[in-house]
Amino acid sequence: MTIAERHNFILDQLKDRGYVKVTELADALAVSLVTIRKDLKTLEARGLLFRSHGSASLRKVYINERPVDEKEALHAQEKESIAQRAVELLLPNEAIIIGSGTTSLAFARKLPTDFPLIV
């Protein structure tokens, strides 16, 4: 089997299942684990999959690796509720620090512009 055929097999498995294990691919293709890891590394470099320990998937499994606009859309209603409640807890002339993250961003957007606050 050629490299291109192996790569096509891997991508077909990912399309069908969404997730593949290195050991299963090695067994199915009768090649070493090292060969599969190299194949996955090559396919990841081409932006066709995402590797994790012992496996690969079509999507990034770790949320912190997702683009901000994608993370912002995840659980948006909950973030809005948290932000609203946090704004309600503010007292005049308080000093606050706003950390990074999409929930913090929702909070910052809800801050009233006419409220006496040190940010």
PDB file of N, CA and C in Angstrom:
ATOM      1  N   MET A   1       0.845  -1.180   0.000  1.00  0.00           N
ATOM      2  CA  MET A   1       0.000   0.000   0.000  1.00  0.00           C
ATOM      3  C   MET A   1       0.892   1.245   0.000  1.00  0.00           C
ATOM      4  N   THR A   2       0.559   2.205  -0.826  1.00  0.00           N
ATOM      5  CA  THR A   2       1.351   3.434  -0.919  1.00  0.00           C
ATOM      6  C   THR A   2       1.002   4.385   0.226  1.00  0.00           C
ATOM      7  N   ILE A   3       1.829   5.392   0.406  1.00  0.00           N
ATOM      8  CA  ILE A   3       1.574   6.414   1.421  1.00  0.00           C
ATOM      9  C   ILE A   3       0.243   7.104   1.140  1.00  0.00           C
ATOM     10  N   ALA A   4       0.009   7.447  -0.113  1.00  0.00           N
ATOM     11  CA  ALA A   4      -1.240   8.123  -0.480  1.00  0.00           C
ATOM     12  C   ALA A   4      -2.445   7.254  -0.154  1.00  0.00           C
ATOM     13  N   GLU A   5      -2.345   5.955  -0.404  1.00  0.00           N
ATOM     14  CA  GLU A   5      -3.445   5.045  -0.092  1.00  0.00           C
ATOM     15  C   GLU A   5      -3.677   4.958   1.418  1.00  0.00           C
ATOM     16  N   ARG A   6      -2.569   4.915   2.180  1.00  0.00           N
ATOM     17  CA  ARG A   6      -2.700   4.910   3.647  1.00  0.00           C
ATOM     18  C   ARG A   6      -3.385   6.181   4.126  1.00  0.00           C
ATOM     19  N   HIS A   7      -2.942   7.315   3.595  1.00  0.00           N
ATOM     20  CA  HIS A   7      -3.525   8.595   3.996  1.00  0.00           C
ATOM     21  C   HIS A   7      -5.015   8.642   3.658  1.00  0.00           C
ATOM     22  N   ASN A   8      -5.369   8.171   2.494  1.00  0.00           N
ATOM     23  CA  ASN A   8      -6.789   8.131   2.104  1.00  0.00           C
ATOM     24  C   ASN A   8      -7.592   7.214   3.028  1.00  0.00           C
ATOM     25  N   PHE A   9      -7.013   6.084   3.389  1.00  0.00           N
ATOM     26  CA  PHE A   9      -7.684   5.156   4.310  1.00  0.00           C
ATOM     27  C   PHE A   9      -7.916   5.844   5.658  1.00  0.00           C
ATOM     28  N   ILE A  10      -6.900   6.505   6.166  1.00  0.00           N
ATOM     29  CA  ILE A  10      -7.003   7.199   7.457  1.00  0.00           C
ATOM     30  C   ILE A  10      -8.096   8.263   7.391  1.00  0.00           C
ATOM     31  N   LEU A  11      -8.082   9.059   6.351  1.00  0.00           N
ATOM     32  CA  LEU A  11      -9.086  10.122   6.209  1.00  0.00           C
ATOM     33  C   LEU A  11     -10.488   9.556   6.041  1.00  0.00           C
ATOM     34  N   ASP A  12     -10.614   8.449   5.323  1.00  0.00           N
ATOM     35  CA  ASP A  12     -11.927   7.799   5.176  1.00  0.00           C
ATOM     36  C   ASP A  12     -12.435   7.303   6.533  1.00  0.00           C
ATOM     37  N   GLN A  13     -11.537   6.727   7.320  1.00  0.00           N
ATOM     38  CA  GLN A  13     -11.922   6.263   8.655  1.00  0.00           C
ATOM     39  C   GLN A  13     -12.373   7.434   9.529  1.00  0.00           C
ATOM     40  N   LEU A  14     -11.654   8.537   9.424  1.00  0.00           N
ATOM     41  CA  LEU A  14     -12.030   9.728  10.196  1.00  0.00           C
ATOM     42  C   LEU A  14     -13.393  10.266   9.772  1.00  0.00           C
ATOM     43  N   LYS A  15     -13.641  10.281   8.470  1.00  0.00           N
ATOM     44  CA  LYS A  15     -14.935  10.769   7.981  1.00  0.00           C
ATOM     45  C   LYS A  15     -16.071   9.874   8.463  1.00  0.00           C
ATOM     46  N   ASP A  16     -15.826   8.567   8.494  1.00  0.00           N
ATOM     47  CA  ASP A  16     -16.855   7.619   8.920  1.00  0.00           C
ATOM     48  C   ASP A  16     -17.079   7.657  10.434  1.00  0.00           C
ATOM     49  N   ARG A  17     -15.989   7.757  11.196  1.00  0.00           N
ATOM     50  CA  ARG A  17     -16.083   7.599  12.647  1.00  0.00           C
ATOM     51  C   ARG A  17     -15.815   8.889  13.431  1.00  0.00           C
ATOM     52  N   GLY A  18     -15.123   9.847  12.796  1.00  0.00           N
ATOM     53  CA  GLY A  18     -14.812  11.094  13.480  1.00  0.00           C
ATOM     54  C   GLY A  18     -13.600  11.010  14.387  1.00  0.00           C
ATOM     55  N   TYR A  19     -13.087   9.791  14.603  1.00  0.00           N
ATOM     56  CA  TYR A  19     -12.020   9.568  15.568  1.00  0.00           C
ATOM     57  C   TYR A  19     -11.342   8.249  15.229  1.00  0.00           C
ATOM     58  N   VAL A  20     -10.038   8.199  15.295  1.00  0.00           N
ATOM     59  CA  VAL A  20      -9.318   6.948  15.057  1.00  0.00           C
ATOM     60  C   VAL A  20      -8.205   6.785  16.085  1.00  0.00           C
ATOM     61  N   LYS A  21      -7.870   5.520  16.365  1.00  0.00           N
ATOM     62  CA  LYS A  21      -6.778   5.213  17.284  1.00  0.00           C
ATOM     63  C   LYS A  21      -5.574   4.750  16.473  1.00  0.00           C
ATOM     64  N   VAL A  22      -4.404   5.143  16.927  1.00  0.00           N
ATOM     65  CA  VAL A  22      -3.160   4.764  16.248  1.00  0.00           C
ATOM     66  C   VAL A  22      -3.049   3.251  16.165  1.00  0.00           C
ATOM     67  N   THR A  23      -3.324   2.561  17.265  1.00  0.00           N
ATOM     68  CA  THR A  23      -3.183   1.098  17.278  1.00  0.00           C
ATOM     69  C   THR A  23      -4.132   0.418  16.297  1.00  0.00           C
ATOM     70  N   GLU A  24      -5.366   0.916  16.213  1.00  0.00           N
ATOM     71  CA  GLU A  24      -6.335   0.329  15.286  1.00  0.00           C
ATOM     72  C   GLU A  24      -5.907   0.539  13.837  1.00  0.00           C
ATOM     73  N   LEU A  25      -5.390   1.729  13.542  1.00  0.00           N
ATOM     74  CA  LEU A  25      -4.927   1.999  12.176  1.00  0.00           C
ATOM     75  C   LEU A  25      -3.742   1.111  11.819  1.00  0.00           C
ATOM     76  N   ALA A  26      -2.810   0.970  12.753  1.00  0.00           N
ATOM     77  CA  ALA A  26      -1.631   0.124  12.501  1.00  0.00           C
ATOM     78  C   ALA A  26      -2.052  -1.311  12.218  1.00  0.00           C
ATOM     79  N   ASP A  27      -3.000  -1.810  12.996  1.00  0.00           N
ATOM     80  CA  ASP A  27      -3.490  -3.175  12.774  1.00  0.00           C
ATOM     81  C   ASP A  27      -4.201  -3.300  11.432  1.00  0.00           C
ATOM     82  N   ALA A  28      -5.071  -2.368  11.129  1.00  0.00           N
ATOM     83  CA  ALA A  28      -5.852  -2.423   9.894  1.00  0.00           C
ATOM     84  C   ALA A  28      -4.971  -2.315   8.653  1.00  0.00           C
ATOM     85  N   LEU A  29      -3.909  -1.535   8.763  1.00  0.00           N
ATOM     86  CA  LEU A  29      -3.042  -1.316   7.609  1.00  0.00           C
ATOM     87  C   LEU A  29      -1.789  -2.195   7.616  1.00  0.00           C
ATOM     88  N   ALA A  30      -1.631  -2.987   8.668  1.00  0.00           N
ATOM     89  CA  ALA A  30      -0.476  -3.875   8.813  1.00  0.00           C
ATOM     90  C   ALA A  30       0.851  -3.119   8.689  1.00  0.00           C
ATOM     91  N   VAL A  31       0.932  -2.002   9.425  1.00  0.00           N
ATOM     92  CA  VAL A  31       2.156  -1.207   9.484  1.00  0.00           C
ATOM     93  C   VAL A  31       2.475  -0.919  10.943  1.00  0.00           C
ATOM     94  N   SER A  32       3.637  -0.357  11.186  1.00  0.00           N
ATOM     95  CA  SER A  32       4.046  -0.078  12.560  1.00  0.00           C
ATOM     96  C   SER A  32       3.343   1.158  13.125  1.00  0.00           C
ATOM     97  N   LEU A  33       3.369   1.253  14.444  1.00  0.00           N
ATOM     98  CA  LEU A  33       2.819   2.433  15.111  1.00  0.00           C
ATOM     99  C   LEU A  33       3.582   3.683  14.691  1.00  0.00           C
ATOM    100  N   VAL A  34       4.887   3.545  14.496  1.00  0.00           N
ATOM    101  CA  VAL A  34       5.713   4.678  14.067  1.00  0.00           C
ATOM    102  C   VAL A  34       5.255   5.190  12.706  1.00  0.00           C
ATOM    103  N   THR A  35       4.946   4.279  11.800  1.00  0.00           N
ATOM    104  CA  THR A  35       4.478   4.667  10.464  1.00  0.00           C
ATOM    105  C   THR A  35       3.168   5.446  10.566  1.00  0.00           C
ATOM    106  N   ILE A  36       2.244   4.956  11.378  1.00  0.00           N
ATOM    107  CA  ILE A  36       0.956   5.644  11.538  1.00  0.00           C
ATOM    108  C   ILE A  36       1.171   7.017  12.164  1.00  0.00           C
ATOM    109  N   ARG A  37       2.020   7.095  13.163  1.00  0.00           N
ATOM    110  CA  ARG A  37       2.277   8.395  13.800  1.00  0.00           C
ATOM    111  C   ARG A  37       2.858   9.393  12.789  1.00  0.00           C
ATOM    112  N   LYS A  38       3.737   8.922  11.935  1.00  0.00           N
ATOM    113  CA  LYS A  38       4.290   9.796  10.886  1.00  0.00           C
ATOM    114  C   LYS A  38       3.195  10.232   9.916  1.00  0.00           C
ATOM    115  N   ASP A  39       2.330   9.295   9.550  1.00  0.00           N
ATOM    116  CA  ASP A  39       1.219   9.628   8.655  1.00  0.00           C
ATOM    117  C   ASP A  39       0.319  10.687   9.284  1.00  0.00           C
ATOM    118  N   LEU A  40      -0.026  10.496  10.553  1.00  0.00           N
ATOM    119  CA  LEU A  40      -0.893  11.455  11.241  1.00  0.00           C
ATOM    120  C   LEU A  40      -0.233  12.820  11.361  1.00  0.00           C
ATOM    121  N   LYS A  41       1.064  12.813  11.605  1.00  0.00           N
ATOM    122  CA  LYS A  41       1.809  14.085  11.695  1.00  0.00           C
ATOM    123  C   LYS A  41       1.755  14.815  10.356  1.00  0.00           C
ATOM    124  N   THR A  42       1.945  14.091   9.280  1.00  0.00           N
ATOM    125  CA  THR A  42       1.889  14.676   7.935  1.00  0.00           C
ATOM    126  C   THR A  42       0.498  15.228   7.632  1.00  0.00           C
ATOM    127  N   LEU A  43      -0.522  14.454   7.942  1.00  0.00           N
ATOM    128  CA  LEU A  43      -1.897  14.891   7.675  1.00  0.00           C
ATOM    129  C   LEU A  43      -2.288  16.080   8.551  1.00  0.00           C
ATOM    130  N   GLU A  44      -1.782  16.110   9.774  1.00  0.00           N
ATOM    131  CA  GLU A  44      -2.058  17.255  10.643  1.00  0.00           C
ATOM    132  C   GLU A  44      -1.380  18.515  10.096  1.00  0.00           C
ATOM    133  N   ALA A  45      -0.164  18.376   9.620  1.00  0.00           N
ATOM    134  CA  ALA A  45       0.556  19.517   9.043  1.00  0.00           C
ATOM    135  C   ALA A  45      -0.177  20.084   7.832  1.00  0.00           C
ATOM    136  N   ARG A  46      -0.911  19.239   7.138  1.00  0.00           N
ATOM    137  CA  ARG A  46      -1.707  19.677   5.985  1.00  0.00           C
ATOM    138  C   ARG A  46      -3.081  20.191   6.409  1.00  0.00           C
ATOM    139  N   GLY A  47      -3.362  20.202   7.715  1.00  0.00           N
ATOM    140  CA  GLY A  47      -4.620  20.719   8.220  1.00  0.00           C
ATOM    141  C   GLY A  47      -5.814  19.799   8.018  1.00  0.00           C
ATOM    142  N   LEU A  48      -5.554  18.497   7.859  1.00  0.00           N
ATOM    143  CA  LEU A  48      -6.631  17.555   7.565  1.00  0.00           C
ATOM    144  C   LEU A  48      -7.170  16.828   8.794  1.00  0.00           C
ATOM    145  N   LEU A  49      -6.429  16.894   9.905  1.00  0.00           N
ATOM    146  CA  LEU A  49      -6.869  16.243  11.134  1.00  0.00           C
ATOM    147  C   LEU A  49      -6.138  16.869  12.309  1.00  0.00           C
ATOM    148  N   PHE A  50      -6.503  16.434  13.505  1.00  0.00           N
ATOM    149  CA  PHE A  50      -5.863  16.900  14.722  1.00  0.00           C
ATOM    150  C   PHE A  50      -5.431  15.695  15.534  1.00  0.00           C
ATOM    151  N   ARG A  51      -4.172  15.680  15.918  1.00  0.00           N
ATOM    152  CA  ARG A  51      -3.647  14.562  16.692  1.00  0.00           C
ATOM    153  C   ARG A  51      -3.797  14.818  18.179  1.00  0.00           C
ATOM    154  N   SER A  52      -3.984  13.736  18.915  1.00  0.00           N
ATOM    155  CA  SER A  52      -3.891  13.757  20.364  1.00  0.00           C
ATOM    156  C   SER A  52      -3.184  12.469  20.754  1.00  0.00           C
ATOM    157  N   HIS A  53      -2.944  12.266  22.012  1.00  0.00           N
ATOM    158  CA  HIS A  53      -2.176  11.103  22.452  1.00  0.00           C
ATOM    159  C   HIS A  53      -2.840   9.793  22.024  1.00  0.00           C
ATOM    160  N   GLY A  54      -2.215   9.102  21.082  1.00  0.00           N
ATOM    161  CA  GLY A  54      -2.698   7.800  20.642  1.00  0.00           C
ATOM    162  C   GLY A  54      -3.883   7.800  19.703  1.00  0.00           C
ATOM    163  N   SER A  55      -4.265   8.990  19.219  1.00  0.00           N
ATOM    164  CA  SER A  55      -5.439   9.040  18.355  1.00  0.00           C
ATOM    165  C   SER A  55      -5.414  10.284  17.472  1.00  0.00           C
ATOM    166  N   ALA A  56      -6.460  10.416  16.667  1.00  0.00           N
ATOM    167  CA  ALA A  56      -6.635  11.595  15.820  1.00  0.00           C
ATOM    168  C   ALA A  56      -8.123  11.811  15.624  1.00  0.00           C
ATOM    169  N   SER A  57      -8.492  13.063  15.368  1.00  0.00           N
ATOM    170  CA  SER A  57      -9.892  13.393  15.130  1.00  0.00           C
ATOM    171  C   SER A  57      -9.980  14.476  14.060  1.00  0.00           C
ATOM    172  N   LEU A  58     -11.186  14.689  13.559  1.00  0.00           N
ATOM    173  CA  LEU A  58     -11.399  15.726  12.555  1.00  0.00           C
ATOM    174  C   LEU A  58     -11.459  17.114  13.176  1.00  0.00           C
ATOM    175  N   ARG A  59     -11.820  17.187  14.451  1.00  0.00           N
ATOM    176  CA  ARG A  59     -11.942  18.475  15.146  1.00  0.00           C
ATOM    177  C   ARG A  59     -10.933  18.525  16.284  1.00  0.00           C
ATOM    178  N   LYS A  60     -10.565  19.726  16.636  1.00  0.00           N
ATOM    179  CA  LYS A  60      -9.725  19.901  17.808  1.00  0.00           C
ATOM    180  C   LYS A  60     -10.555  19.519  19.026  1.00  0.00           C
ATOM    181  N   VAL A  61     -10.017  18.618  19.818  1.00  0.00           N
ATOM    182  CA  VAL A  61     -10.772  18.162  20.975  1.00  0.00           C
ATOM    183  C   VAL A  61     -10.613  19.086  22.172  1.00  0.00           C
ATOM    184  N   TYR A  62      -9.573  19.874  22.167  1.00  0.00           N
ATOM    185  CA  TYR A  62      -9.337  20.773  23.289  1.00  0.00           C
ATOM    186  C   TYR A  62      -9.903  22.138  22.962  1.00  0.00           C
ATOM    187  N   ILE A  63     -10.828  22.595  23.775  1.00  0.00           N
ATOM    188  CA  ILE A  63     -11.529  23.842  23.485  1.00  0.00           C
ATOM    189  C   ILE A  63     -10.583  25.027  23.449  1.00  0.00           C
ATOM    190  N   ASN A  64      -9.530  25.019  24.259  1.00  0.00           N
ATOM    191  CA  ASN A  64      -8.636  26.177  24.283  1.00  0.00           C
ATOM    192  C   ASN A  64      -7.837  26.332  22.994  1.00  0.00           C
ATOM    193  N   GLU A  65      -7.893  25.339  22.131  1.00  0.00           N
ATOM    194  CA  GLU A  65      -7.219  25.447  20.839  1.00  0.00           C
ATOM    195  C   GLU A  65      -8.153  25.934  19.741  1.00  0.00           C
ATOM    196  N   ARG A  66      -9.399  26.161  20.079  1.00  0.00           N
ATOM    197  CA  ARG A  66     -10.366  26.618  19.089  1.00  0.00           C
ATOM    198  C   ARG A  66     -10.261  28.129  18.917  1.00  0.00           C
ATOM    199  N   PRO A  67     -10.666  28.639  17.769  1.00  0.00           N
ATOM    200  CA  PRO A  67     -10.676  30.095  17.565  1.00  0.00           C
ATOM    201  C   PRO A  67     -11.641  30.775  18.534  1.00  0.00           C
ATOM    202  N   VAL A  68     -11.334  32.006  18.904  1.00  0.00           N
ATOM    203  CA  VAL A  68     -12.142  32.739  19.878  1.00  0.00           C
ATOM    204  C   VAL A  68     -13.594  32.852  19.437  1.00  0.00           C
ATOM    205  N   ASP A  69     -13.833  33.124  18.167  1.00  0.00           N
ATOM    206  CA  ASP A  69     -15.227  33.269  17.728  1.00  0.00           C
ATOM    207  C   ASP A  69     -15.999  31.962  17.876  1.00  0.00           C
ATOM    208  N   GLU A  70     -15.314  30.833  17.743  1.00  0.00           N
ATOM    209  CA  GLU A  70     -15.974  29.540  17.941  1.00  0.00           C
ATOM    210  C   GLU A  70     -16.251  29.315  19.428  1.00  0.00           C
ATOM    211  N   LYS A  71     -15.272  29.645  20.284  1.00  0.00           N
ATOM    212  CA  LYS A  71     -15.468  29.488  21.727  1.00  0.00           C
ATOM    213  C   LYS A  71     -16.548  30.432  22.239  1.00  0.00           C
ATOM    214  N   GLU A  72     -16.606  31.612  21.670  1.00  0.00           N
ATOM    215  CA  GLU A  72     -17.598  32.600  22.093  1.00  0.00           C
ATOM    216  C   GLU A  72     -19.020  32.083  21.859  1.00  0.00           C
ATOM    217  N   ALA A  73     -19.210  31.323  20.800  1.00  0.00           N
ATOM    218  CA  ALA A  73     -20.537  30.800  20.469  1.00  0.00           C
ATOM    219  C   ALA A  73     -20.937  29.602  21.335  1.00  0.00           C
ATOM    220  N   LEU A  74     -19.945  28.929  21.925  1.00  0.00           N
ATOM    221  CA  LEU A  74     -20.247  27.780  22.772  1.00  0.00           C
ATOM    222  C   LEU A  74     -20.832  28.241  24.106  1.00  0.00           C
ATOM    223  N   HIS A  75     -21.971  27.726  24.468  1.00  0.00           N
ATOM    224  CA  HIS A  75     -22.634  28.042  25.739  1.00  0.00           C
ATOM    225  C   HIS A  75     -22.859  29.548  25.893  1.00  0.00           C
ATOM    226  N   ALA A  76     -23.205  30.205  24.814  1.00  0.00           N
ATOM    227  CA  ALA A  76     -23.378  31.662  24.813  1.00  0.00           C
ATOM    228  C   ALA A  76     -24.438  32.112  25.801  1.00  0.00           C
ATOM    229  N   GLN A  77     -25.536  31.396  25.892  1.00  0.00           N
ATOM    230  CA  GLN A  77     -26.617  31.770  26.823  1.00  0.00           C
ATOM    231  C   GLN A  77     -26.128  31.730  28.266  1.00  0.00           C
ATOM    232  N   GLU A  78     -25.382  30.692  28.611  1.00  0.00           N
ATOM    233  CA  GLU A  78     -24.852  30.579  29.969  1.00  0.00           C
ATOM    234  C   GLU A  78     -23.875  31.710  30.271  1.00  0.00           C
ATOM    235  N   LYS A  79     -23.034  32.046  29.297  1.00  0.00           N
ATOM    236  CA  LYS A  79     -22.066  33.132  29.478  1.00  0.00           C
ATOM    237  C   LYS A  79     -22.781  34.463  29.692  1.00  0.00           C
ATOM    238  N   GLU A  80     -23.850  34.677  28.954  1.00  0.00           N
ATOM    239  CA  GLU A  80     -24.636  35.901  29.115  1.00  0.00           C
ATOM    240  C   GLU A  80     -25.261  35.967  30.507  1.00  0.00           C
ATOM    241  N   SER A  81     -25.764  34.846  31.000  1.00  0.00           N
ATOM    242  CA  SER A  81     -26.373  34.799  32.330  1.00  0.00           C
ATOM    243  C   SER A  81     -25.337  35.072  33.415  1.00  0.00           C
ATOM    244  N   ILE A  82     -24.179  34.470  33.284  1.00  0.00           N
ATOM    245  CA  ILE A  82     -23.099  34.692  34.242  1.00  0.00           C
ATOM    246  C   ILE A  82     -22.688  36.159  34.224  1.00  0.00           C
ATOM    247  N   ALA A  83     -22.528  36.710  33.030  1.00  0.00           N
ATOM    248  CA  ALA A  83     -22.126  38.111  32.893  1.00  0.00           C
ATOM    249  C   ALA A  83     -23.149  39.038  33.536  1.00  0.00           C
ATOM    250  N   GLN A  84     -24.427  38.788  33.295  1.00  0.00           N
ATOM    251  CA  GLN A  84     -25.477  39.632  33.862  1.00  0.00           C
ATOM    252  C   GLN A  84     -25.460  39.574  35.386  1.00  0.00           C
ATOM    253  N   ARG A  85     -25.321  38.380  35.921  1.00  0.00           N
ATOM    254  CA  ARG A  85     -25.295  38.237  37.382  1.00  0.00           C
ATOM    255  C   ARG A  85     -24.066  38.920  37.966  1.00  0.00           C
ATOM    256  N   ALA A  86     -22.923  38.810  37.323  1.00  0.00           N
ATOM    257  CA  ALA A  86     -21.698  39.452  37.801  1.00  0.00           C
ATOM    258  C   ALA A  86     -21.842  40.969  37.807  1.00  0.00           C
ATOM    259  N   VAL A  87     -22.458  41.531  36.791  1.00  0.00           N
ATOM    260  CA  VAL A  87     -22.684  42.986  36.724  1.00  0.00           C
ATOM    261  C   VAL A  87     -23.585  43.424  37.880  1.00  0.00           C
ATOM    262  N   GLU A  88     -24.569  42.624  38.204  1.00  0.00           N
ATOM    263  CA  GLU A  88     -25.487  42.952  39.298  1.00  0.00           C
ATOM    264  C   GLU A  88     -24.798  42.968  40.657  1.00  0.00           C
ATOM    265  N   LEU A  89     -23.681  42.288  40.793  1.00  0.00           N
ATOM    266  CA  LEU A  89     -22.949  42.226  42.056  1.00  0.00           C
ATOM    267  C   LEU A  89     -21.991  43.405  42.264  1.00  0.00           C
ATOM    268  N   LEU A  90     -21.772  44.181  41.224  1.00  0.00           N
ATOM    269  CA  LEU A  90     -20.837  45.305  41.315  1.00  0.00           C
ATOM    270  C   LEU A  90     -21.359  46.394  42.249  1.00  0.00           C
ATOM    271  N   LEU A  91     -20.426  46.992  42.978  1.00  0.00           N
ATOM    272  CA  LEU A  91     -20.743  48.128  43.837  1.00  0.00           C
ATOM    273  C   LEU A  91     -20.063  49.368  43.283  1.00  0.00           C
ATOM    274  N   PRO A  92     -20.639  50.539  43.484  1.00  0.00           N
ATOM    275  CA  PRO A  92     -20.016  51.773  42.984  1.00  0.00           C
ATOM    276  C   PRO A  92     -18.598  51.953  43.542  1.00  0.00           C
ATOM    277  N   ASN A  93     -17.724  52.450  42.678  1.00  0.00           N
ATOM    278  CA  ASN A  93     -16.331  52.767  43.011  1.00  0.00           C
ATOM    279  C   ASN A  93     -15.464  51.555  43.346  1.00  0.00           C
ATOM    280  N   GLU A  94     -15.906  50.382  42.999  1.00  0.00           N
ATOM    281  CA  GLU A  94     -15.086  49.185  43.176  1.00  0.00           C
ATOM    282  C   GLU A  94     -13.976  49.175  42.143  1.00  0.00           C
ATOM    283  N   ALA A  95     -12.918  48.438  42.458  1.00  0.00           N
ATOM    284  CA  ALA A  95     -11.846  48.198  41.500  1.00  0.00           C
ATOM    285  C   ALA A  95     -11.878  46.712  41.138  1.00  0.00           C
ATOM    286  N   ILE A  96     -11.896  46.421  39.866  1.00  0.00           N
ATOM    287  CA  ILE A  96     -11.956  45.022  39.419  1.00  0.00           C
ATOM    288  C   ILE A  96     -10.890  44.767  38.367  1.00  0.00           C
ATOM    289  N   ILE A  97     -10.545  43.522  38.234  1.00  0.00           N
ATOM    290  CA  ILE A  97      -9.650  43.058  37.168  1.00  0.00           C
ATOM    291  C   ILE A  97     -10.447  42.062  36.351  1.00  0.00           C
ATOM    292  N   ILE A  98     -10.408  42.196  35.047  1.00  0.00           N
ATOM    293  CA  ILE A  98     -11.118  41.270  34.171  1.00  0.00           C
ATOM    294  C   ILE A  98     -10.080  40.394  33.481  1.00  0.00           C
ATOM    295  N   GLY A  99     -10.183  39.099  33.693  1.00  0.00           N
ATOM    296  CA  GLY A  99      -9.266  38.153  33.066  1.00  0.00           C
ATOM    297  C   GLY A  99      -9.624  37.909  31.618  1.00  0.00           C
ATOM    298  N   SER A 100      -8.872  37.019  31.008  1.00  0.00           N
ATOM    299  CA  SER A 100      -9.144  36.683  29.614  1.00  0.00           C
ATOM    300  C   SER A 100     -10.164  35.555  29.539  1.00  0.00           C
ATOM    301  N   GLY A 101     -10.756  35.388  28.405  1.00  0.00           N
ATOM    302  CA  GLY A 101     -11.724  34.317  28.189  1.00  0.00           C
ATOM    303  C   GLY A 101     -13.023  34.874  27.640  1.00  0.00           C
ATOM    304  N   THR A 102     -13.800  34.009  27.066  1.00  0.00           N
ATOM    305  CA  THR A 102     -15.034  34.450  26.420  1.00  0.00           C
ATOM    306  C   THR A 102     -16.136  34.774  27.417  1.00  0.00           C
ATOM    307  N   THR A 103     -16.117  34.160  28.588  1.00  0.00           N
ATOM    308  CA  THR A 103     -17.085  34.532  29.620  1.00  0.00           C
ATOM    309  C   THR A 103     -16.738  35.915  30.170  1.00  0.00           C
ATOM    310  N   SER A 104     -15.452  36.166  30.362  1.00  0.00           N
ATOM    311  CA  SER A 104     -15.006  37.492  30.803  1.00  0.00           C
ATOM    312  C   SER A 104     -15.341  38.553  29.764  1.00  0.00           C
ATOM    313  N   LEU A 105     -15.228  38.195  28.516  1.00  0.00           N
ATOM    314  CA  LEU A 105     -15.578  39.121  27.443  1.00  0.00           C
ATOM    315  C   LEU A 105     -17.062  39.476  27.492  1.00  0.00           C
ATOM    316  N   ALA A 106     -17.903  38.484  27.727  1.00  0.00           N
ATOM    317  CA  ALA A 106     -19.346  38.737  27.850  1.00  0.00           C
ATOM    318  C   ALA A 106     -19.611  39.673  29.025  1.00  0.00           C
ATOM    319  N   PHE A 107     -18.889  39.482  30.119  1.00  0.00           N
ATOM    320  CA  PHE A 107     -19.019  40.355  31.288  1.00  0.00           C
ATOM    321  C   PHE A 107     -18.603  41.782  30.950  1.00  0.00           C
ATOM    322  N   ALA A 108     -17.449  41.927  30.317  1.00  0.00           N
ATOM    323  CA  ALA A 108     -16.956  43.263  29.970  1.00  0.00           C
ATOM    324  C   ALA A 108     -17.929  44.003  29.066  1.00  0.00           C
ATOM    325  N   ARG A 109     -18.542  43.296  28.167  1.00  0.00           N
ATOM    326  CA  ARG A 109     -19.514  43.921  27.266  1.00  0.00           C
ATOM    327  C   ARG A 109     -20.771  44.390  27.995  1.00  0.00           C
ATOM    328  N   LYS A 110     -21.079  43.756  29.119  1.00  0.00           N
ATOM    329  CA  LYS A 110     -22.278  44.127  29.878  1.00  0.00           C
ATOM    330  C   LYS A 110     -22.032  45.274  30.861  1.00  0.00           C
ATOM    331  N   LEU A 111     -20.779  45.652  31.073  1.00  0.00           N
ATOM    332  CA  LEU A 111     -20.493  46.728  32.030  1.00  0.00           C
ATOM    333  C   LEU A 111     -21.147  48.017  31.585  1.00  0.00           C
ATOM    334  N   PRO A 112     -21.911  48.667  32.478  1.00  0.00           N
ATOM    335  CA  PRO A 112     -22.524  49.948  32.102  1.00  0.00           C
ATOM    336  C   PRO A 112     -21.451  51.025  31.971  1.00  0.00           C
ATOM    337  N   THR A 113     -21.591  51.873  30.991  1.00  0.00           N
ATOM    338  CA  THR A 113     -20.582  52.915  30.752  1.00  0.00           C
ATOM    339  C   THR A 113     -20.712  54.078  31.723  1.00  0.00           C
ATOM    340  N   ASP A 114     -21.843  54.182  32.379  1.00  0.00           N
ATOM    341  CA  ASP A 114     -22.055  55.304  33.295  1.00  0.00           C
ATOM    342  C   ASP A 114     -21.950  54.890  34.760  1.00  0.00           C
ATOM    343  N   PHE A 115     -21.366  53.743  35.049  1.00  0.00           N
ATOM    344  CA  PHE A 115     -21.238  53.224  36.403  1.00  0.00           C
ATOM    345  C   PHE A 115     -19.851  53.573  36.924  1.00  0.00           C
ATOM    346  N   PRO A 116     -19.724  54.160  38.131  1.00  0.00           N
ATOM    347  CA  PRO A 116     -18.403  54.501  38.678  1.00  0.00           C
ATOM    348  C   PRO A 116     -17.639  53.236  39.081  1.00  0.00           C
ATOM    349  N   LEU A 117     -16.600  52.932  38.315  1.00  0.00           N
ATOM    350  CA  LEU A 117     -15.887  51.664  38.491  1.00  0.00           C
ATOM    351  C   LEU A 117     -14.451  51.820  37.999  1.00  0.00           C
ATOM    352  N   ILE A 118     -13.516  51.204  38.697  1.00  0.00           N
ATOM    353  CA  ILE A 118     -12.115  51.173  38.247  1.00  0.00           C
ATOM    354  C   ILE A 118     -11.865  49.784  37.693  1.00  0.00           C
ATOM    355  N   VAL A 119     -11.520  49.741  36.413  1.00  0.00           N
ATOM    356  CA  VAL A 119     -11.288  48.451  35.758  1.00  0.00           C
ATOM    357  C   VAL A 119      -9.823  48.333  35.402  1.00  0.00           C
TER     358      VAL A 119
END
